[in-house]
Amino acid sequence: MSEQNKQVAIRFIEAFSRGDAEGAKACLAPDAVTIAKGFGKLSGPRSYQLIVATTAAFKDIIPSGLRPNFQSVTGEGDRVAVEFEGDATLANGERYCNQYCMVFTFGDGKIKHVNEYYCTILADQKIGPLLSGVEEQRRRIGCD
């Protein structure tokens, strides 16, 4: 099962990285939760709905995609740990490179829980303002 779980974790990261909400949904259990560890503004838990909404917003925020460069994928039982680096160009033209470790817990072949570790300070500085702008724009046009 861990080999299948590894492939699902990679598919999820790739879908998230390119803003493919439908691809991300296919990997998630309906009660999935991610928790961005740390103390930044973008830290904290995200419900299934927020995971999907954030993934969709990434299409506008990171049009180049995050372009993950996988360093390691380790699986045992219902847990998978993935280390990777992202190298992206943001919608405002700035470069965004961050390092990630995501620890996935699976149930019935779907992602149930993810602990995300990355530089939250960098994410707050670079992605936070763009994410706020997308959310504000969606509110204005009635997408929520």
Protein backbone atom coordinates (compact mmCIF):
# COMPACT_ATOMS: atom_id res chain seq x y z
CA MET A 1 0.00 0.00 0.00
CA SER A 2 2.82 2.43 0.70
CA GLU A 3 3.88 2.46 -2.98
CA GLN A 4 0.34 3.43 -4.01
CA ASN A 5 0.25 6.06 -1.26
CA LYS A 6 3.55 7.50 -2.50
CA GLN A 7 2.08 7.91 -5.98
CA VAL A 8 -1.05 9.60 -4.61
CA ALA A 9 1.09 12.00 -2.53
CA ILE A 10 3.15 12.92 -5.60
CA ARG A 11 0.00 13.38 -7.73
CA PHE A 12 -1.46 15.65 -5.04
CA ILE A 13 1.69 17.80 -4.86
CA GLU A 14 1.83 18.06 -8.64
CA ALA A 15 -1.87 18.98 -8.89
CA PHE A 16 -1.58 21.54 -6.08
CA SER A 17 1.56 22.96 -7.67
CA ARG A 18 -0.18 23.68 -10.97
CA GLY A 19 -3.48 24.87 -9.48
CA ASP A 20 -5.41 21.78 -10.55
CA ALA A 21 -8.24 21.66 -7.99
CA GLU A 22 -9.92 18.65 -9.62
CA GLY A 23 -6.66 16.70 -9.63
CA ALA A 24 -6.11 17.54 -5.96
CA LYS A 25 -9.68 16.54 -5.07
CA ALA A 26 -9.13 13.10 -6.60
CA CYS A 27 -6.36 12.49 -4.04
CA LEU A 28 -8.21 13.72 -0.95
CA ALA A 29 -10.65 12.09 1.44
CA PRO A 30 -13.75 14.30 1.95
CA ASP A 31 -12.67 15.00 5.55
CA ALA A 32 -9.02 15.70 4.70
CA VAL A 33 -7.15 18.33 6.69
CA THR A 34 -3.78 19.94 6.11
CA ILE A 35 -1.87 21.77 8.81
CA ALA A 36 0.80 24.23 7.77
CA LYS A 37 3.18 24.11 10.71
CA GLY A 38 4.80 27.27 11.98
CA PHE A 39 3.73 30.67 13.17
CA GLY A 40 3.22 32.69 9.99
CA LYS A 41 -0.01 34.15 8.68
CA LEU A 42 -0.40 31.22 6.28
CA SER A 43 0.18 28.66 9.04
CA GLY A 44 -2.61 26.63 10.56
CA PRO A 45 -5.23 24.08 9.58
CA ARG A 46 -7.07 23.92 6.27
CA SER A 47 -10.25 21.93 5.74
CA TYR A 48 -10.99 20.00 2.55
CA GLN A 49 -12.90 23.00 1.15
CA LEU A 50 -10.05 25.39 1.89
CA ILE A 51 -7.46 22.98 0.42
CA VAL A 52 -9.43 22.86 -2.82
CA ALA A 53 -10.02 26.64 -2.89
CA THR A 54 -6.34 27.37 -2.22
CA THR A 55 -5.33 24.94 -4.96
CA ALA A 56 -7.64 26.70 -7.44
CA ALA A 57 -6.24 30.10 -6.41
CA PHE A 58 -2.70 28.92 -7.12
CA LYS A 59 -3.50 28.96 -10.83
CA ASP A 60 -3.73 32.76 -10.60
CA ILE A 61 -0.96 33.26 -8.02
CA ILE A 62 1.65 30.95 -9.52
CA PRO A 63 0.89 30.72 -13.24
CA SER A 64 4.23 28.98 -13.89
CA GLY A 65 3.33 26.28 -11.37
CA LEU A 66 5.44 25.53 -8.33
CA ARG A 67 7.56 23.10 -10.40
CA PRO A 68 8.38 20.69 -7.57
CA ASN A 69 11.82 19.06 -7.61
CA PHE A 70 11.40 15.93 -5.50
CA GLN A 71 14.29 15.14 -3.18
CA SER A 72 12.91 12.08 -1.38
CA VAL A 73 9.71 10.11 -1.00
CA THR A 74 9.50 7.72 1.94
CA GLY A 75 6.52 5.55 2.75
CA GLU A 76 5.68 3.12 5.49
CA GLY A 77 2.20 1.78 6.14
CA ASP A 78 -0.34 4.59 5.91
CA ARG A 79 2.26 7.40 6.10
CA VAL A 80 4.32 9.06 3.38
CA ALA A 81 6.91 11.82 3.77
CA VAL A 82 7.89 13.89 0.73
CA GLU A 83 10.76 16.39 0.60
CA PHE A 84 10.86 18.75 -2.36
CA GLU A 85 11.87 22.20 -3.50
CA GLY A 86 9.63 24.55 -5.43
CA ASP A 87 10.94 26.97 -8.03
CA ALA A 88 8.25 29.27 -9.36
CA THR A 89 7.59 32.64 -10.88
CA LEU A 90 4.69 34.43 -9.21
CA ALA A 91 1.97 36.38 -11.00
CA ASN A 92 3.76 39.63 -10.08
CA GLY A 93 6.95 38.40 -11.79
CA GLU A 94 8.87 37.65 -8.58
CA ARG A 95 10.72 34.39 -8.15
CA TYR A 96 9.49 32.12 -5.35
CA CYS A 97 11.69 29.26 -4.20
CA ASN A 98 10.89 27.38 -1.02
CA GLN A 99 11.75 24.03 0.54
CA TYR A 100 9.02 21.68 1.71
CA CYS A 101 8.46 18.52 3.68
CA MET A 102 4.94 17.13 3.68
CA VAL A 103 3.96 14.22 5.88
CA PHE A 104 0.81 12.49 4.63
CA THR A 105 -1.48 10.09 6.46
CA PHE A 106 -3.75 7.93 4.30
CA GLY A 107 -7.00 6.04 4.74
CA ASP A 108 -8.52 3.84 2.04
CA GLY A 109 -6.00 5.14 -0.52
CA LYS A 110 -6.91 8.81 0.01
CA ILE A 111 -5.12 11.60 1.85
CA LYS A 112 -6.67 12.14 5.28
CA HIS A 113 -4.12 14.44 6.91
CA VAL A 114 -1.03 16.41 5.86
CA ASN A 115 1.51 18.17 8.04
CA GLU A 116 3.25 20.77 5.87
CA TYR A 117 6.66 22.16 6.78
CA TYR A 118 8.10 25.08 4.79
CA CYS A 119 9.46 28.56 5.38
CA THR A 120 6.31 30.35 6.48
CA ILE A 121 8.07 33.72 6.59
CA LEU A 122 8.90 33.50 2.89
CA ALA A 123 5.36 32.32 2.06
CA ASP A 124 3.85 35.18 4.09
CA GLN A 125 6.04 37.73 2.30
CA LYS A 126 5.64 36.44 -1.25
CA ILE A 127 2.37 34.49 -1.49
CA GLY A 128 0.31 36.11 1.27
CA PRO A 129 -0.32 39.42 -0.53
CA LEU A 130 -1.17 37.65 -3.80
CA LEU A 131 -3.52 35.19 -2.08
CA SER A 132 -5.30 38.07 -0.33
CA GLY A 133 -5.70 39.81 -3.67
CA VAL A 134 -7.26 36.74 -5.30
CA GLU A 135 -9.64 36.23 -2.37
CA GLU A 136 -10.70 39.88 -2.49
CA GLN A 137 -11.27 39.72 -6.23
CA ARG A 138 -13.42 36.57 -5.90
CA ARG A 139 -15.52 38.23 -3.18
CA ARG A 140 -16.07 41.29 -5.38
CA ILE A 141 -17.33 39.23 -8.30
CA GLY A 142 -19.41 36.92 -6.09
CA CYS A 143 -17.49 33.66 -6.41
CA ASP A 144 -17.77 32.73 -2.72
